[in-house]
Amino acid sequence: MFVKVYRYQIQEDKINHYLEIQQKVLKIYKEQLNIEVIYLQNQISPVNWIEMAFYKCEKEEYRKKIKLINEQNEIQEYFNAFQATLIPGTEIVEEEYRNIPVVGQ
């Protein structure tokens, strides 16, 4: 399993739009990848979000398929719309992880 974690800040008045975008993007991703996503909103500072995407494949397969997905005009439009929901001047922090099974789980 390959995991991507994103941290970013969404403008409070654009949260509903952000969620609509994520719903549409996830539908496209699920057509190509076996993916589950969790969206976490900070309870103290609701502009802070964490997105955790769990891909049921290895990193190389993910990279091949994500390249094809990202070439789609529709995805590019959604990404631009997503960026417009971010708090100006903030960045998307992106990290990669792998699942380590614990014996006995």
PDB file of N, CA and C in Angstrom:
ATOM      1  N   MET A   1       0.842  -1.179   0.000  1.00  0.00           N
ATOM      2  CA  MET A   1       0.000   0.000   0.000  1.00  0.00           C
ATOM      3  C   MET A   1       0.888   1.242   0.000  1.00  0.00           C
ATOM      4  N   PHE A   2       0.478   2.200  -0.783  1.00  0.00           N
ATOM      5  CA  PHE A   2       1.199   3.468  -0.926  1.00  0.00           C
ATOM      6  C   PHE A   2       0.288   4.568  -0.392  1.00  0.00           C
ATOM      7  N   VAL A   3       0.830   5.464   0.418  1.00  0.00           N
ATOM      8  CA  VAL A   3       0.013   6.490   1.063  1.00  0.00           C
ATOM      9  C   VAL A   3       0.587   7.875   0.780  1.00  0.00           C
ATOM     10  N   LYS A   4      -0.302   8.788   0.418  1.00  0.00           N
ATOM     11  CA  LYS A   4       0.074  10.199   0.238  1.00  0.00           C
ATOM     12  C   LYS A   4      -0.672  11.009   1.289  1.00  0.00           C
ATOM     13  N   VAL A   5       0.041  11.946   1.899  1.00  0.00           N
ATOM     14  CA  VAL A   5      -0.558  12.840   2.881  1.00  0.00           C
ATOM     15  C   VAL A   5      -0.325  14.266   2.413  1.00  0.00           C
ATOM     16  N   TYR A   6      -1.391  15.043   2.424  1.00  0.00           N
ATOM     17  CA  TYR A   6      -1.324  16.451   2.017  1.00  0.00           C
ATOM     18  C   TYR A   6      -1.813  17.309   3.179  1.00  0.00           C
ATOM     19  N   ARG A   7      -1.132  18.418   3.380  1.00  0.00           N
ATOM     20  CA  ARG A   7      -1.577  19.410   4.370  1.00  0.00           C
ATOM     21  C   ARG A   7      -1.746  20.733   3.649  1.00  0.00           C
ATOM     22  N   TYR A   8      -2.862  21.387   3.926  1.00  0.00           N
ATOM     23  CA  TYR A   8      -3.108  22.678   3.288  1.00  0.00           C
ATOM     24  C   TYR A   8      -4.137  23.452   4.103  1.00  0.00           C
ATOM     25  N   GLN A   9      -4.328  24.711   3.727  1.00  0.00           N
ATOM     26  CA  GLN A   9      -5.273  25.583   4.419  1.00  0.00           C
ATOM     27  C   GLN A   9      -6.325  26.079   3.430  1.00  0.00           C
ATOM     28  N   ILE A  10      -7.595  25.848   3.777  1.00  0.00           N
ATOM     29  CA  ILE A  10      -8.722  26.219   2.927  1.00  0.00           C
ATOM     30  C   ILE A  10      -9.419  27.450   3.524  1.00  0.00           C
ATOM     31  N   GLN A  11      -9.738  28.396   2.675  1.00  0.00           N
ATOM     32  CA  GLN A  11     -10.493  29.569   3.125  1.00  0.00           C
ATOM     33  C   GLN A  11     -11.843  29.104   3.679  1.00  0.00           C
ATOM     34  N   GLU A  12     -12.208  29.637   4.829  1.00  0.00           N
ATOM     35  CA  GLU A  12     -13.438  29.173   5.498  1.00  0.00           C
ATOM     36  C   GLU A  12     -14.680  29.332   4.635  1.00  0.00           C
ATOM     37  N   ASP A  13     -14.750  30.391   3.867  1.00  0.00           N
ATOM     38  CA  ASP A  13     -15.938  30.610   3.041  1.00  0.00           C
ATOM     39  C   ASP A  13     -15.938  29.770   1.763  1.00  0.00           C
ATOM     40  N   LYS A  14     -14.885  28.973   1.565  1.00  0.00           N
ATOM     41  CA  LYS A  14     -14.798  28.141   0.351  1.00  0.00           C
ATOM     42  C   LYS A  14     -14.764  26.640   0.669  1.00  0.00           C
ATOM     43  N   ILE A  15     -15.058  26.290   1.909  1.00  0.00           N
ATOM     44  CA  ILE A  15     -14.985  24.880   2.307  1.00  0.00           C
ATOM     45  C   ILE A  15     -15.986  24.026   1.536  1.00  0.00           C
ATOM     46  N   ASN A  16     -17.209  24.492   1.365  1.00  0.00           N
ATOM     47  CA  ASN A  16     -18.201  23.706   0.612  1.00  0.00           C
ATOM     48  C   ASN A  16     -17.758  23.487  -0.830  1.00  0.00           C
ATOM     49  N   HIS A  17     -17.208  24.507  -1.442  1.00  0.00           N
ATOM     50  CA  HIS A  17     -16.702  24.380  -2.815  1.00  0.00           C
ATOM     51  C   HIS A  17     -15.542  23.384  -2.863  1.00  0.00           C
ATOM     52  N   TYR A  18     -14.649  23.465  -1.890  1.00  0.00           N
ATOM     53  CA  TYR A  18     -13.529  22.526  -1.785  1.00  0.00           C
ATOM     54  C   TYR A  18     -14.049  21.081  -1.725  1.00  0.00           C
ATOM     55  N   LEU A  19     -15.069  20.835  -0.896  1.00  0.00           N
ATOM     56  CA  LEU A  19     -15.610  19.476  -0.756  1.00  0.00           C
ATOM     57  C   LEU A  19     -16.260  18.990  -2.050  1.00  0.00           C
ATOM     58  N   GLU A  20     -16.914  19.877  -2.762  1.00  0.00           N
ATOM     59  CA  GLU A  20     -17.501  19.521  -4.061  1.00  0.00           C
ATOM     60  C   GLU A  20     -16.416  19.127  -5.057  1.00  0.00           C
ATOM     61  N   ILE A  21     -15.340  19.878  -5.085  1.00  0.00           N
ATOM     62  CA  ILE A  21     -14.213  19.575  -5.980  1.00  0.00           C
ATOM     63  C   ILE A  21     -13.638  18.205  -5.633  1.00  0.00           C
ATOM     64  N   GLN A  22     -13.411  17.969  -4.358  1.00  0.00           N
ATOM     65  CA  GLN A  22     -12.810  16.700  -3.928  1.00  0.00           C
ATOM     66  C   GLN A  22     -13.693  15.519  -4.319  1.00  0.00           C
ATOM     67  N   GLN A  23     -14.985  15.678  -4.214  1.00  0.00           N
ATOM     68  CA  GLN A  23     -15.908  14.605  -4.587  1.00  0.00           C
ATOM     69  C   GLN A  23     -15.764  14.264  -6.076  1.00  0.00           C
ATOM     70  N   LYS A  24     -15.690  15.275  -6.918  1.00  0.00           N
ATOM     71  CA  LYS A  24     -15.558  15.064  -8.365  1.00  0.00           C
ATOM     72  C   LYS A  24     -14.205  14.448  -8.718  1.00  0.00           C
ATOM     73  N   VAL A  25     -13.151  14.934  -8.087  1.00  0.00           N
ATOM     74  CA  VAL A  25     -11.803  14.423  -8.364  1.00  0.00           C
ATOM     75  C   VAL A  25     -11.685  12.968  -7.919  1.00  0.00           C
ATOM     76  N   LEU A  26     -12.216  12.659  -6.761  1.00  0.00           N
ATOM     77  CA  LEU A  26     -12.130  11.290  -6.251  1.00  0.00           C
ATOM     78  C   LEU A  26     -12.821  10.308  -7.198  1.00  0.00           C
ATOM     79  N   LYS A  27     -13.923  10.714  -7.778  1.00  0.00           N
ATOM     80  CA  LYS A  27     -14.619   9.850  -8.738  1.00  0.00           C
ATOM     81  C   LYS A  27     -13.697   9.519  -9.918  1.00  0.00           C
ATOM     82  N   ILE A  28     -12.985  10.499 -10.420  1.00  0.00           N
ATOM     83  CA  ILE A  28     -12.051  10.283 -11.543  1.00  0.00           C
ATOM     84  C   ILE A  28     -10.903   9.385 -11.108  1.00  0.00           C
ATOM     85  N   TYR A  29     -10.345   9.647  -9.942  1.00  0.00           N
ATOM     86  CA  TYR A  29      -9.235   8.824  -9.452  1.00  0.00           C
ATOM     87  C   TYR A  29      -9.655   7.360  -9.307  1.00  0.00           C
ATOM     88  N   LYS A  30     -10.866   7.130  -8.791  1.00  0.00           N
ATOM     89  CA  LYS A  30     -11.327   5.760  -8.555  1.00  0.00           C
ATOM     90  C   LYS A  30     -11.544   4.991  -9.858  1.00  0.00           C
ATOM     91  N   GLU A  31     -11.672   5.684 -10.974  1.00  0.00           N
ATOM     92  CA  GLU A  31     -11.788   5.003 -12.260  1.00  0.00           C
ATOM     93  C   GLU A  31     -10.465   4.349 -12.657  1.00  0.00           C
ATOM     94  N   GLN A  32      -9.363   4.881 -12.184  1.00  0.00           N
ATOM     95  CA  GLN A  32      -8.031   4.400 -12.569  1.00  0.00           C
ATOM     96  C   GLN A  32      -7.272   3.696 -11.437  1.00  0.00           C
ATOM     97  N   LEU A  33      -7.571   4.062 -10.205  1.00  0.00           N
ATOM     98  CA  LEU A  33      -6.802   3.569  -9.060  1.00  0.00           C
ATOM     99  C   LEU A  33      -7.722   3.024  -7.980  1.00  0.00           C
ATOM    100  N   ASN A  34      -7.223   2.038  -7.250  1.00  0.00           N
ATOM    101  CA  ASN A  34      -7.922   1.535  -6.074  1.00  0.00           C
ATOM    102  C   ASN A  34      -7.495   2.442  -4.915  1.00  0.00           C
ATOM    103  N   ILE A  35      -8.346   3.400  -4.563  1.00  0.00           N
ATOM    104  CA  ILE A  35      -7.985   4.460  -3.627  1.00  0.00           C
ATOM    105  C   ILE A  35      -9.084   4.690  -2.601  1.00  0.00           C
ATOM    106  N   GLU A  36      -8.670   4.982  -1.404  1.00  0.00           N
ATOM    107  CA  GLU A  36      -9.571   5.447  -0.344  1.00  0.00           C
ATOM    108  C   GLU A  36      -8.952   6.726   0.206  1.00  0.00           C
ATOM    109  N   VAL A  37      -9.789   7.719   0.491  1.00  0.00           N
ATOM    110  CA  VAL A  37      -9.277   9.009   0.952  1.00  0.00           C
ATOM    111  C   VAL A  37     -10.011   9.425   2.224  1.00  0.00           C
ATOM    112  N   ILE A  38      -9.249   9.991   3.145  1.00  0.00           N
ATOM    113  CA  ILE A  38      -9.798  10.567   4.373  1.00  0.00           C
ATOM    114  C   ILE A  38      -9.446  12.046   4.369  1.00  0.00           C
ATOM    115  N   TYR A  39     -10.437  12.885   4.667  1.00  0.00           N
ATOM    116  CA  TYR A  39     -10.223  14.326   4.780  1.00  0.00           C
ATOM    117  C   TYR A  39     -10.426  14.703   6.242  1.00  0.00           C
ATOM    118  N   LEU A  40      -9.436  15.350   6.821  1.00  0.00           N
ATOM    119  CA  LEU A  40      -9.492  15.736   8.229  1.00  0.00           C
ATOM    120  C   LEU A  40      -9.433  17.252   8.349  1.00  0.00           C
ATOM    121  N   GLN A  41     -10.382  17.803   9.089  1.00  0.00           N
ATOM    122  CA  GLN A  41     -10.408  19.240   9.343  1.00  0.00           C
ATOM    123  C   GLN A  41     -10.040  19.467  10.809  1.00  0.00           C
ATOM    124  N   ASN A  42      -9.113  20.371  11.057  1.00  0.00           N
ATOM    125  CA  ASN A  42      -8.672  20.679  12.405  1.00  0.00           C
ATOM    126  C   ASN A  42      -9.831  21.278  13.201  1.00  0.00           C
ATOM    127  N   GLN A  43     -10.053  20.764  14.406  1.00  0.00           N
ATOM    128  CA  GLN A  43     -11.176  21.227  15.217  1.00  0.00           C
ATOM    129  C   GLN A  43     -10.942  22.613  15.822  1.00  0.00           C
ATOM    130  N   ILE A  44      -9.693  22.961  16.068  1.00  0.00           N
ATOM    131  CA  ILE A  44      -9.384  24.261  16.671  1.00  0.00           C
ATOM    132  C   ILE A  44      -9.243  25.336  15.601  1.00  0.00           C
ATOM    133  N   SER A  45      -8.585  24.988  14.522  1.00  0.00           N
ATOM    134  CA  SER A  45      -8.391  25.925  13.417  1.00  0.00           C
ATOM    135  C   SER A  45      -8.973  25.301  12.147  1.00  0.00           C
ATOM    136  N   PRO A  46     -10.254  25.533  11.863  1.00  0.00           N
ATOM    137  CA  PRO A  46     -10.942  24.832  10.773  1.00  0.00           C
ATOM    138  C   PRO A  46     -10.403  25.111   9.373  1.00  0.00           C
ATOM    139  N   VAL A  47      -9.471  26.040   9.223  1.00  0.00           N
ATOM    140  CA  VAL A  47      -8.875  26.267   7.902  1.00  0.00           C
ATOM    141  C   VAL A  47      -7.802  25.231   7.597  1.00  0.00           C
ATOM    142  N   ASN A  48      -7.316  24.532   8.622  1.00  0.00           N
ATOM    143  CA  ASN A  48      -6.251  23.541   8.452  1.00  0.00           C
ATOM    144  C   ASN A  48      -6.832  22.169   8.131  1.00  0.00           C
ATOM    145  N   TRP A  49      -6.355  21.606   7.032  1.00  0.00           N
ATOM    146  CA  TRP A  49      -6.845  20.317   6.548  1.00  0.00           C
ATOM    147  C   TRP A  49      -5.694  19.350   6.319  1.00  0.00           C
ATOM    148  N   ILE A  50      -5.998  18.062   6.509  1.00  0.00           N
ATOM    149  CA  ILE A  50      -5.095  16.975   6.133  1.00  0.00           C
ATOM    150  C   ILE A  50      -5.895  16.029   5.247  1.00  0.00           C
ATOM    151  N   GLU A  51      -5.303  15.652   4.150  1.00  0.00           N
ATOM    152  CA  GLU A  51      -5.900  14.683   3.228  1.00  0.00           C
ATOM    153  C   GLU A  51      -4.986  13.473   3.203  1.00  0.00           C
ATOM    154  N   MET A  52      -5.541  12.299   3.467  1.00  0.00           N
ATOM    155  CA  MET A  52      -4.771  11.058   3.453  1.00  0.00           C
ATOM    156  C   MET A  52      -5.339  10.153   2.374  1.00  0.00           C
ATOM    157  N   ALA A  53      -4.522   9.843   1.377  1.00  0.00           N
ATOM    158  CA  ALA A  53      -4.950   8.996   0.264  1.00  0.00           C
ATOM    159  C   ALA A  53      -4.225   7.661   0.355  1.00  0.00           C
ATOM    160  N   PHE A  54      -4.999   6.594   0.434  1.00  0.00           N
ATOM    161  CA  PHE A  54      -4.469   5.243   0.551  1.00  0.00           C
ATOM    162  C   PHE A  54      -4.647   4.530  -0.785  1.00  0.00           C
ATOM    163  N   TYR A  55      -3.537   4.248  -1.442  1.00  0.00           N
ATOM    164  CA  TYR A  55      -3.562   3.572  -2.743  1.00  0.00           C
ATOM    165  C   TYR A  55      -3.211   2.109  -2.532  1.00  0.00           C
ATOM    166  N   LYS A  56      -4.074   1.231  -2.994  1.00  0.00           N
ATOM    167  CA  LYS A  56      -3.839  -0.197  -2.833  1.00  0.00           C
ATOM    168  C   LYS A  56      -3.023  -0.708  -4.015  1.00  0.00           C
ATOM    169  N   CYS A  57      -1.821  -0.140  -4.122  1.00  0.00           N
ATOM    170  CA  CYS A  57      -0.871  -0.518  -5.158  1.00  0.00           C
ATOM    171  C   CYS A  57       0.507  -0.050  -4.703  1.00  0.00           C
ATOM    172  N   GLU A  58       1.506  -0.405  -5.457  1.00  0.00           N
ATOM    173  CA  GLU A  58       2.866   0.046  -5.145  1.00  0.00           C
ATOM    174  C   GLU A  58       3.113   1.417  -5.765  1.00  0.00           C
ATOM    175  N   LYS A  59       4.161   2.036  -5.311  1.00  0.00           N
ATOM    176  CA  LYS A  59       4.490   3.399  -5.722  1.00  0.00           C
ATOM    177  C   LYS A  59       4.643   3.537  -7.234  1.00  0.00           C
ATOM    178  N   GLU A  60       5.278   2.590  -7.884  1.00  0.00           N
ATOM    179  CA  GLU A  60       5.501   2.687  -9.333  1.00  0.00           C
ATOM    180  C   GLU A  60       4.199   2.628 -10.118  1.00  0.00           C
ATOM    181  N   GLU A  61       3.294   1.739  -9.707  1.00  0.00           N
ATOM    182  CA  GLU A  61       1.988   1.676 -10.378  1.00  0.00           C
ATOM    183  C   GLU A  61       1.240   2.989 -10.168  1.00  0.00           C
ATOM    184  N   TYR A  62       1.290   3.507  -8.946  1.00  0.00           N
ATOM    185  CA  TYR A  62       0.659   4.798  -8.658  1.00  0.00           C
ATOM    186  C   TYR A  62       1.202   5.869  -9.599  1.00  0.00           C
ATOM    187  N   ARG A  63       2.510   5.950  -9.722  1.00  0.00           N
ATOM    188  CA  ARG A  63       3.136   6.999 -10.547  1.00  0.00           C
ATOM    189  C   ARG A  63       2.711   6.896 -12.017  1.00  0.00           C
ATOM    190  N   LYS A  64       2.625   5.690 -12.541  1.00  0.00           N
ATOM    191  CA  LYS A  64       2.208   5.511 -13.935  1.00  0.00           C
ATOM    192  C   LYS A  64       0.770   5.991 -14.148  1.00  0.00           C
ATOM    193  N   LYS A  65      -0.116   5.571 -13.260  1.00  0.00           N
ATOM    194  CA  LYS A  65      -1.522   5.912 -13.425  1.00  0.00           C
ATOM    195  C   LYS A  65      -1.803   7.378 -13.111  1.00  0.00           C
ATOM    196  N   ILE A  66      -1.125   7.934 -12.130  1.00  0.00           N
ATOM    197  CA  ILE A  66      -1.376   9.331 -11.778  1.00  0.00           C
ATOM    198  C   ILE A  66      -0.909  10.257 -12.894  1.00  0.00           C
ATOM    199  N   LYS A  67       0.116   9.838 -13.602  1.00  0.00           N
ATOM    200  CA  LYS A  67       0.598  10.635 -14.742  1.00  0.00           C
ATOM    201  C   LYS A  67      -0.499  10.734 -15.804  1.00  0.00           C
ATOM    202  N   LEU A  68      -1.151   9.617 -16.087  1.00  0.00           N
ATOM    203  CA  LEU A  68      -2.246   9.607 -17.060  1.00  0.00           C
ATOM    204  C   LEU A  68      -3.441  10.429 -16.575  1.00  0.00           C
ATOM    205  N   ILE A  69      -3.757  10.296 -15.306  1.00  0.00           N
ATOM    206  CA  ILE A  69      -4.874  11.060 -14.742  1.00  0.00           C
ATOM    207  C   ILE A  69      -4.599  12.550 -14.837  1.00  0.00           C
ATOM    208  N   ASN A  70      -3.401  12.951 -14.449  1.00  0.00           N
ATOM    209  CA  ASN A  70      -3.059  14.372 -14.414  1.00  0.00           C
ATOM    210  C   ASN A  70      -2.987  15.016 -15.798  1.00  0.00           C
ATOM    211  N   GLU A  71      -2.916  14.216 -16.835  1.00  0.00           N
ATOM    212  CA  GLU A  71      -2.904  14.752 -18.200  1.00  0.00           C
ATOM    213  C   GLU A  71      -4.306  15.159 -18.664  1.00  0.00           C
ATOM    214  N   GLN A  72      -5.326  14.732 -17.958  1.00  0.00           N
ATOM    215  CA  GLN A  72      -6.703  15.047 -18.334  1.00  0.00           C
ATOM    216  C   GLN A  72      -6.998  16.527 -18.074  1.00  0.00           C
ATOM    217  N   ASN A  73      -7.616  17.180 -19.050  1.00  0.00           N
ATOM    218  CA  ASN A  73      -7.972  18.594 -18.905  1.00  0.00           C
ATOM    219  C   ASN A  73      -8.897  18.822 -17.716  1.00  0.00           C
ATOM    220  N   GLU A  74      -9.821  17.911 -17.500  1.00  0.00           N
ATOM    221  CA  GLU A  74     -10.786  18.049 -16.411  1.00  0.00           C
ATOM    222  C   GLU A  74     -10.073  18.092 -15.052  1.00  0.00           C
ATOM    223  N   ILE A  75      -9.081  17.231 -14.877  1.00  0.00           N
ATOM    224  CA  ILE A  75      -8.318  17.216 -13.626  1.00  0.00           C
ATOM    225  C   ILE A  75      -7.558  18.520 -13.450  1.00  0.00           C
ATOM    226  N   GLN A  76      -6.992  19.026 -14.522  1.00  0.00           N
ATOM    227  CA  GLN A  76      -6.273  20.303 -14.444  1.00  0.00           C
ATOM    228  C   GLN A  76      -7.212  21.432 -14.027  1.00  0.00           C
ATOM    229  N   GLU A  77      -8.420  21.429 -14.554  1.00  0.00           N
ATOM    230  CA  GLU A  77      -9.410  22.445 -14.183  1.00  0.00           C
ATOM    231  C   GLU A  77      -9.786  22.321 -12.708  1.00  0.00           C
ATOM    232  N   TYR A  78      -9.974  21.091 -12.230  1.00  0.00           N
ATOM    233  CA  TYR A  78     -10.299  20.886 -10.823  1.00  0.00           C
ATOM    234  C   TYR A  78      -9.142  21.309  -9.921  1.00  0.00           C
ATOM    235  N   PHE A  79      -7.920  21.033 -10.349  1.00  0.00           N
ATOM    236  CA  PHE A  79      -6.764  21.428  -9.533  1.00  0.00           C
ATOM    237  C   PHE A  79      -6.673  22.950  -9.433  1.00  0.00           C
ATOM    238  N   ASN A  80      -6.919  23.634 -10.522  1.00  0.00           N
ATOM    239  CA  ASN A  80      -6.923  25.099 -10.494  1.00  0.00           C
ATOM    240  C   ASN A  80      -8.026  25.622  -9.573  1.00  0.00           C
ATOM    241  N   ALA A  81      -9.196  24.996  -9.622  1.00  0.00           N
ATOM    242  CA  ALA A  81     -10.302  25.390  -8.744  1.00  0.00           C
ATOM    243  C   ALA A  81      -9.942  25.111  -7.285  1.00  0.00           C
ATOM    244  N   PHE A  82      -9.287  23.973  -7.036  1.00  0.00           N
ATOM    245  CA  PHE A  82      -8.829  23.639  -5.682  1.00  0.00           C
ATOM    246  C   PHE A  82      -7.852  24.694  -5.176  1.00  0.00           C
ATOM    247  N   GLN A  83      -6.887  25.063  -6.006  1.00  0.00           N
ATOM    248  CA  GLN A  83      -5.905  26.073  -5.597  1.00  0.00           C
ATOM    249  C   GLN A  83      -6.579  27.401  -5.248  1.00  0.00           C
ATOM    250  N   ALA A  84      -7.679  27.707  -5.896  1.00  0.00           N
ATOM    251  CA  ALA A  84      -8.406  28.945  -5.608  1.00  0.00           C
ATOM    252  C   ALA A  84      -9.105  28.894  -4.250  1.00  0.00           C
ATOM    253  N   THR A  85      -9.272  27.708  -3.672  1.00  0.00           N
ATOM    254  CA  THR A  85      -9.881  27.597  -2.344  1.00  0.00           C
ATOM    255  C   THR A  85      -8.844  27.750  -1.231  1.00  0.00           C
ATOM    256  N   LEU A  86      -7.566  27.644  -1.587  1.00  0.00           N
ATOM    257  CA  LEU A  86      -6.501  27.765  -0.576  1.00  0.00           C
ATOM    258  C   LEU A  86      -6.392  29.193  -0.064  1.00  0.00           C
ATOM    259  N   ILE A  87      -5.932  29.322   1.167  1.00  0.00           N
ATOM    260  CA  ILE A  87      -5.647  30.651   1.704  1.00  0.00           C
ATOM    261  C   ILE A  87      -4.476  31.211   0.916  1.00  0.00           C
ATOM    262  N   PRO A  88      -4.624  32.402   0.349  1.00  0.00           N
ATOM    263  CA  PRO A  88      -3.539  32.988  -0.461  1.00  0.00           C
ATOM    264  C   PRO A  88      -2.222  33.033   0.326  1.00  0.00           C
ATOM    265  N   GLY A  89      -1.150  32.658  -0.391  1.00  0.00           N
ATOM    266  CA  GLY A  89       0.179  32.669   0.210  1.00  0.00           C
ATOM    267  C   GLY A  89       0.553  31.395   0.938  1.00  0.00           C
ATOM    268  N   THR A  90      -0.395  30.441   1.042  1.00  0.00           N
ATOM    269  CA  THR A  90      -0.074  29.174   1.706  1.00  0.00           C
ATOM    270  C   THR A  90       0.260  28.122   0.647  1.00  0.00           C
ATOM    271  N   GLU A  91       0.890  27.064   1.086  1.00  0.00           N
ATOM    272  CA  GLU A  91       1.326  26.012   0.169  1.00  0.00           C
ATOM    273  C   GLU A  91       0.704  24.679   0.539  1.00  0.00           C
ATOM    274  N   ILE A  92       0.740  23.778  -0.403  1.00  0.00           N
ATOM    275  CA  ILE A  92       0.344  22.394  -0.176  1.00  0.00           C
ATOM    276  C   ILE A  92       1.599  21.642   0.232  1.00  0.00           C
ATOM    277  N   VAL A  93       1.559  20.998   1.391  1.00  0.00           N
ATOM    278  CA  VAL A  93       2.668  20.160   1.839  1.00  0.00           C
ATOM    279  C   VAL A  93       2.296  18.721   1.495  1.00  0.00           C
ATOM    280  N   GLU A  94       3.180  18.033   0.790  1.00  0.00           N
ATOM    281  CA  GLU A  94       2.903  16.678   0.303  1.00  0.00           C
ATOM    282  C   GLU A  94       3.961  15.724   0.843  1.00  0.00           C
ATOM    283  N   GLU A  95       3.500  14.584   1.388  1.00  0.00           N
ATOM    284  CA  GLU A  95       4.417  13.572   1.928  1.00  0.00           C
ATOM    285  C   GLU A  95       3.996  12.197   1.420  1.00  0.00           C
ATOM    286  N   GLU A  96       4.962  11.286   1.351  1.00  0.00           N
ATOM    287  CA  GLU A  96       4.694   9.916   0.920  1.00  0.00           C
ATOM    288  C   GLU A  96       5.037   8.948   2.044  1.00  0.00           C
ATOM    289  N   TYR A  97       4.188   7.938   2.205  1.00  0.00           N
ATOM    290  CA  TYR A  97       4.372   6.930   3.236  1.00  0.00           C
ATOM    291  C   TYR A  97       4.105   5.554   2.657  1.00  0.00           C
ATOM    292  N   ARG A  98       4.510   4.550   3.405  1.00  0.00           N
ATOM    293  CA  ARG A  98       4.135   3.180   3.059  1.00  0.00           C
ATOM    294  C   ARG A  98       3.577   2.539   4.310  1.00  0.00           C
ATOM    295  N   ASN A  99       2.672   1.618   4.129  1.00  0.00           N
ATOM    296  CA  ASN A  99       2.038   0.938   5.240  1.00  0.00           C
ATOM    297  C   ASN A  99       2.976  -0.137   5.777  1.00  0.00           C
ATOM    298  N   ILE A 100       3.183  -0.159   7.069  1.00  0.00           N
ATOM    299  CA  ILE A 100       3.981  -1.176   7.740  1.00  0.00           C
ATOM    300  C   ILE A 100       3.061  -1.997   8.622  1.00  0.00           C
ATOM    301  N   PRO A 101       2.753  -3.223   8.226  1.00  0.00           N
ATOM    302  CA  PRO A 101       1.858  -4.040   9.041  1.00  0.00           C
ATOM    303  C   PRO A 101       2.510  -4.400  10.373  1.00  0.00           C
ATOM    304  N   VAL A 102       1.712  -4.383  11.427  1.00  0.00           N
ATOM    305  CA  VAL A 102       2.176  -4.780  12.738  1.00  0.00           C
ATOM    306  C   VAL A 102       1.676  -6.198  12.987  1.00  0.00           C
ATOM    307  N   VAL A 103       2.579  -7.062  13.435  1.00  0.00           N
ATOM    308  CA  VAL A 103       2.220  -8.451  13.689  1.00  0.00           C
ATOM    309  C   VAL A 103       1.126  -8.510  14.748  1.00  0.00           C
ATOM    310  N   GLY A 104       0.107  -9.301  14.489  1.00  0.00           N
ATOM    311  CA  GLY A 104      -0.968  -9.479  15.450  1.00  0.00           C
ATOM    312  C   GLY A 104      -2.175  -8.599  15.174  1.00  0.00           C
ATOM    313  N   GLN A 105      -2.131  -7.775  14.155  1.00  0.00           N
ATOM    314  CA  GLN A 105      -3.291  -6.935  13.835  1.00  0.00           C
ATOM    315  C   GLN A 105      -4.243  -7.668  12.949  1.00  0.00           C
TER     316      GLN A 105
END
